[in-house]
Amino acid sequence: MPAQDTLTVAVRVKPGASRDRVGGRFDGPNGPALVIAVHAPAVDGRATEAARRALAGALGVRPAAVSLRAGAASRDKLFLVDRPGPELSGLLCRLRDGSVE
């Protein structure tokens, strides 16, 4: 089975949180989404950028490997992860479904 070129990650962003946190599930318009709480406000794309960086950190990839595909002005976003390793899908499920802190 060939490796995927990209992995699409549905995300629900919660701006204005007391601290950045990745984990939890939100059943949104894009299906089950990973919850990312960020300290940054929802102004001028700052929350989106903070969420992109937090997602990269949680998945252990370079921030440059994560890009926004859809949802720039929404709390419900789709991010693309370039060249995901085989372990990323499992890690994403654990973060979203709560078996990892």
N, C-alpha and C. Protein backbone atom coordinates (compact mmCIF):
# COMPACT_ATOMS: atom_id res chain seq x y z
N MET A 1 0.85 -1.19 0.00
CA MET A 1 0.00 0.00 0.00
C MET A 1 0.89 1.25 0.00
N PRO A 2 0.70 2.16 -0.96
CA PRO A 2 1.56 3.35 -1.02
C PRO A 2 1.26 4.31 0.11
N ALA A 3 2.27 5.07 0.50
CA ALA A 3 2.11 6.06 1.56
C ALA A 3 1.26 7.22 1.04
N GLN A 4 0.48 7.80 1.93
CA GLN A 4 -0.33 8.96 1.56
C GLN A 4 0.57 10.17 1.39
N ASP A 5 0.21 11.04 0.44
CA ASP A 5 0.94 12.29 0.27
C ASP A 5 0.51 13.32 1.30
N THR A 6 -0.78 13.29 1.65
CA THR A 6 -1.30 14.23 2.65
C THR A 6 -2.32 13.53 3.53
N LEU A 7 -2.49 14.08 4.72
CA LEU A 7 -3.51 13.62 5.66
C LEU A 7 -4.39 14.83 5.97
N THR A 8 -5.70 14.68 5.79
CA THR A 8 -6.63 15.77 6.11
C THR A 8 -7.09 15.62 7.55
N VAL A 9 -7.00 16.71 8.30
CA VAL A 9 -7.38 16.69 9.71
C VAL A 9 -8.48 17.72 9.94
N ALA A 10 -9.64 17.24 10.40
CA ALA A 10 -10.73 18.14 10.78
C ALA A 10 -10.45 18.65 12.19
N VAL A 11 -10.61 19.96 12.37
CA VAL A 11 -10.26 20.60 13.64
C VAL A 11 -11.37 21.55 14.05
N ARG A 12 -11.64 21.60 15.35
CA ARG A 12 -12.52 22.62 15.95
C ARG A 12 -11.62 23.50 16.81
N VAL A 13 -11.53 24.79 16.47
CA VAL A 13 -10.65 25.72 17.18
C VAL A 13 -11.46 26.46 18.25
N LYS A 14 -10.89 26.53 19.45
CA LYS A 14 -11.49 27.31 20.54
C LYS A 14 -10.52 28.43 20.89
N PRO A 15 -10.70 29.61 20.31
CA PRO A 15 -9.79 30.73 20.58
C PRO A 15 -10.03 31.33 21.96
N GLY A 16 -9.03 32.05 22.45
CA GLY A 16 -9.17 32.77 23.71
C GLY A 16 -9.09 31.88 24.95
N ALA A 17 -8.52 30.68 24.80
CA ALA A 17 -8.38 29.78 25.95
C ALA A 17 -7.28 30.28 26.88
N SER A 18 -7.29 29.81 28.12
CA SER A 18 -6.26 30.24 29.07
C SER A 18 -4.88 29.71 28.67
N ARG A 19 -4.87 28.55 27.99
CA ARG A 19 -3.59 28.01 27.49
C ARG A 19 -3.87 27.16 26.26
N ASP A 20 -2.82 26.93 25.47
CA ASP A 20 -2.97 26.08 24.29
C ASP A 20 -3.09 24.62 24.72
N ARG A 21 -4.03 23.90 24.07
CA ARG A 21 -4.23 22.49 24.40
C ARG A 21 -4.79 21.78 23.17
N VAL A 22 -4.25 20.59 22.91
CA VAL A 22 -4.73 19.78 21.79
C VAL A 22 -5.27 18.48 22.35
N GLY A 23 -6.53 18.21 22.05
CA GLY A 23 -7.13 16.96 22.50
C GLY A 23 -8.61 17.11 22.72
N GLY A 24 -9.33 16.06 22.42
CA GLY A 24 -10.77 16.06 22.57
C GLY A 24 -11.45 15.96 21.22
N ARG A 25 -12.75 15.69 21.28
CA ARG A 25 -13.51 15.44 20.06
C ARG A 25 -14.70 16.39 19.98
N PHE A 26 -14.96 16.87 18.76
CA PHE A 26 -16.13 17.68 18.48
C PHE A 26 -16.75 17.14 17.21
N ASP A 27 -18.02 16.75 17.26
CA ASP A 27 -18.69 16.25 16.06
C ASP A 27 -19.25 17.44 15.30
N GLY A 28 -18.51 17.87 14.31
CA GLY A 28 -18.86 19.08 13.56
C GLY A 28 -19.24 18.80 12.13
N PRO A 29 -19.28 19.83 11.30
CA PRO A 29 -19.72 19.69 9.91
C PRO A 29 -18.77 18.86 9.05
N ASN A 30 -17.53 18.70 9.48
CA ASN A 30 -16.55 17.90 8.74
C ASN A 30 -16.37 16.51 9.34
N GLY A 31 -17.30 16.09 10.19
CA GLY A 31 -17.18 14.81 10.86
C GLY A 31 -16.49 14.97 12.19
N PRO A 32 -16.01 13.87 12.78
CA PRO A 32 -15.32 13.97 14.07
C PRO A 32 -14.07 14.85 13.94
N ALA A 33 -14.01 15.88 14.76
CA ALA A 33 -12.90 16.84 14.67
C ALA A 33 -12.08 16.84 15.94
N LEU A 34 -10.79 17.10 15.79
CA LEU A 34 -9.87 17.26 16.91
C LEU A 34 -10.05 18.66 17.48
N VAL A 35 -10.19 18.78 18.79
CA VAL A 35 -10.36 20.08 19.42
C VAL A 35 -8.98 20.67 19.73
N ILE A 36 -8.78 21.91 19.31
CA ILE A 36 -7.54 22.63 19.60
C ILE A 36 -7.92 23.96 20.25
N ALA A 37 -7.59 24.09 21.53
CA ALA A 37 -7.82 25.34 22.25
C ALA A 37 -6.53 26.16 22.16
N VAL A 38 -6.67 27.43 21.80
CA VAL A 38 -5.50 28.31 21.67
C VAL A 38 -5.73 29.59 22.46
N HIS A 39 -4.65 30.14 22.95
CA HIS A 39 -4.70 31.39 23.71
C HIS A 39 -5.00 32.57 22.78
N ALA A 40 -4.55 32.49 21.54
CA ALA A 40 -4.69 33.59 20.59
C ALA A 40 -6.17 33.92 20.34
N PRO A 41 -6.47 35.20 20.14
CA PRO A 41 -7.85 35.59 19.84
C PRO A 41 -8.20 35.30 18.38
N ALA A 42 -9.49 35.26 18.08
CA ALA A 42 -9.95 35.04 16.71
C ALA A 42 -9.95 36.36 15.94
N VAL A 43 -8.76 36.93 15.77
CA VAL A 43 -8.60 38.22 15.10
C VAL A 43 -7.47 38.10 14.09
N ASP A 44 -7.73 38.54 12.87
CA ASP A 44 -6.69 38.58 11.83
C ASP A 44 -5.99 37.24 11.62
N GLY A 45 -6.69 36.14 11.77
CA GLY A 45 -6.10 34.83 11.52
C GLY A 45 -5.16 34.33 12.60
N ARG A 46 -5.08 35.04 13.71
CA ARG A 46 -4.13 34.63 14.76
C ARG A 46 -4.49 33.29 15.39
N ALA A 47 -5.78 33.04 15.62
CA ALA A 47 -6.18 31.76 16.20
C ALA A 47 -5.91 30.62 15.22
N THR A 48 -6.14 30.86 13.93
CA THR A 48 -5.87 29.83 12.92
C THR A 48 -4.39 29.49 12.89
N GLU A 49 -3.55 30.50 12.91
CA GLU A 49 -2.10 30.26 12.89
C GLU A 49 -1.65 29.54 14.15
N ALA A 50 -2.18 29.94 15.30
CA ALA A 50 -1.84 29.26 16.56
C ALA A 50 -2.29 27.80 16.52
N ALA A 51 -3.47 27.54 15.97
CA ALA A 51 -3.99 26.17 15.86
C ALA A 51 -3.11 25.34 14.92
N ARG A 52 -2.67 25.94 13.82
CA ARG A 52 -1.80 25.23 12.87
C ARG A 52 -0.50 24.81 13.55
N ARG A 53 0.08 25.72 14.31
CA ARG A 53 1.33 25.41 15.01
C ARG A 53 1.11 24.39 16.13
N ALA A 54 -0.01 24.50 16.85
CA ALA A 54 -0.31 23.55 17.92
C ALA A 54 -0.53 22.15 17.35
N LEU A 55 -1.21 22.07 16.21
CA LEU A 55 -1.44 20.77 15.56
C LEU A 55 -0.11 20.15 15.15
N ALA A 56 0.75 20.95 14.55
CA ALA A 56 2.06 20.44 14.14
C ALA A 56 2.84 19.92 15.34
N GLY A 57 2.82 20.66 16.45
CA GLY A 57 3.52 20.24 17.65
C GLY A 57 2.97 18.94 18.21
N ALA A 58 1.64 18.82 18.24
CA ALA A 58 1.01 17.62 18.79
C ALA A 58 1.30 16.39 17.94
N LEU A 59 1.42 16.60 16.63
CA LEU A 59 1.68 15.48 15.73
C LEU A 59 3.17 15.22 15.52
N GLY A 60 3.99 16.11 16.06
CA GLY A 60 5.44 15.92 15.94
C GLY A 60 5.98 16.16 14.54
N VAL A 61 5.35 17.09 13.81
CA VAL A 61 5.83 17.44 12.46
C VAL A 61 6.21 18.91 12.44
N ARG A 62 6.96 19.29 11.41
CA ARG A 62 7.35 20.69 11.25
C ARG A 62 6.10 21.55 10.98
N PRO A 63 6.02 22.75 11.52
CA PRO A 63 4.88 23.62 11.23
C PRO A 63 4.68 23.83 9.73
N ALA A 64 5.76 23.85 8.96
CA ALA A 64 5.65 24.05 7.51
C ALA A 64 4.94 22.88 6.82
N ALA A 65 4.85 21.73 7.48
CA ALA A 65 4.18 20.56 6.89
C ALA A 65 2.67 20.61 7.07
N VAL A 66 2.17 21.59 7.83
CA VAL A 66 0.73 21.71 8.10
C VAL A 66 0.21 22.97 7.43
N SER A 67 -0.84 22.82 6.61
CA SER A 67 -1.42 23.97 5.94
C SER A 67 -2.95 23.94 6.06
N LEU A 68 -3.55 25.13 5.98
CA LEU A 68 -5.00 25.25 6.06
C LEU A 68 -5.60 24.94 4.70
N ARG A 69 -6.57 24.03 4.67
CA ARG A 69 -7.26 23.70 3.42
C ARG A 69 -8.60 24.43 3.32
N ALA A 70 -9.31 24.53 4.44
CA ALA A 70 -10.64 25.16 4.42
C ALA A 70 -10.97 25.69 5.81
N GLY A 71 -11.78 26.74 5.85
CA GLY A 71 -12.29 27.24 7.12
C GLY A 71 -11.54 28.41 7.71
N ALA A 72 -10.94 29.26 6.89
CA ALA A 72 -10.16 30.39 7.40
C ALA A 72 -10.96 31.27 8.36
N ALA A 73 -12.25 31.47 8.09
CA ALA A 73 -13.06 32.36 8.92
C ALA A 73 -14.02 31.59 9.82
N SER A 74 -13.76 30.31 10.03
CA SER A 74 -14.66 29.47 10.81
C SER A 74 -13.91 28.80 11.96
N ARG A 75 -14.63 28.39 12.99
CA ARG A 75 -14.00 27.60 14.05
C ARG A 75 -13.76 26.17 13.58
N ASP A 76 -14.52 25.73 12.58
CA ASP A 76 -14.36 24.39 12.01
C ASP A 76 -13.45 24.49 10.80
N LYS A 77 -12.29 23.84 10.89
CA LYS A 77 -11.27 23.96 9.85
C LYS A 77 -10.82 22.59 9.37
N LEU A 78 -10.25 22.58 8.18
CA LEU A 78 -9.59 21.39 7.66
C LEU A 78 -8.14 21.76 7.41
N PHE A 79 -7.23 21.01 8.02
CA PHE A 79 -5.80 21.20 7.80
C PHE A 79 -5.27 20.02 7.00
N LEU A 80 -4.25 20.26 6.21
CA LEU A 80 -3.54 19.20 5.49
C LEU A 80 -2.17 19.02 6.12
N VAL A 81 -1.77 17.77 6.33
CA VAL A 81 -0.44 17.45 6.82
C VAL A 81 0.30 16.78 5.66
N ASP A 82 1.40 17.40 5.20
CA ASP A 82 2.18 16.84 4.09
C ASP A 82 3.01 15.65 4.54
N ARG A 83 3.03 14.64 3.72
CA ARG A 83 3.84 13.43 3.91
C ARG A 83 3.74 12.88 5.34
N PRO A 84 2.53 12.52 5.77
CA PRO A 84 2.39 12.00 7.14
C PRO A 84 3.04 10.63 7.26
N GLY A 85 3.65 10.39 8.40
CA GLY A 85 4.22 9.08 8.67
C GLY A 85 3.09 8.09 8.96
N PRO A 86 3.40 6.80 8.94
CA PRO A 86 2.36 5.79 9.15
C PRO A 86 1.73 5.85 10.54
N GLU A 87 2.43 6.45 11.50
CA GLU A 87 1.92 6.50 12.88
C GLU A 87 0.96 7.67 13.12
N LEU A 88 0.88 8.63 12.19
CA LEU A 88 0.10 9.84 12.44
C LEU A 88 -1.40 9.60 12.55
N SER A 89 -1.94 8.71 11.75
CA SER A 89 -3.38 8.45 11.83
C SER A 89 -3.76 7.92 13.21
N GLY A 90 -2.96 7.00 13.73
CA GLY A 90 -3.23 6.45 15.06
C GLY A 90 -3.09 7.50 16.15
N LEU A 91 -2.06 8.32 16.05
CA LEU A 91 -1.85 9.40 17.03
C LEU A 91 -3.02 10.38 16.99
N LEU A 92 -3.45 10.72 15.81
CA LEU A 92 -4.58 11.64 15.66
C LEU A 92 -5.83 11.06 16.32
N CYS A 93 -6.09 9.78 16.10
CA CYS A 93 -7.27 9.15 16.72
C CYS A 93 -7.16 9.16 18.24
N ARG A 94 -5.97 8.90 18.77
CA ARG A 94 -5.80 8.91 20.23
C ARG A 94 -6.00 10.31 20.80
N LEU A 95 -5.49 11.32 20.14
CA LEU A 95 -5.69 12.70 20.60
C LEU A 95 -7.17 13.08 20.56
N ARG A 96 -7.83 12.72 19.49
CA ARG A 96 -9.23 13.10 19.31
C ARG A 96 -10.15 12.31 20.22
N ASP A 97 -9.88 11.03 20.38
CA ASP A 97 -10.82 10.17 21.10
C ASP A 97 -10.47 9.95 22.57
N GLY A 98 -9.41 10.62 23.06
CA GLY A 98 -9.21 10.73 24.47
C GLY A 98 -8.35 9.71 25.18
N SER A 99 -7.64 8.85 24.46
CA SER A 99 -6.81 7.88 25.17
C SER A 99 -5.40 8.41 25.40
N VAL A 100 -5.15 9.67 25.04
CA VAL A 100 -3.85 10.31 25.27
C VAL A 100 -4.12 11.66 25.90
N GLU A 101 -3.31 12.07 26.87
CA GLU A 101 -3.48 13.39 27.47
C GLU A 101 -2.82 14.43 26.59
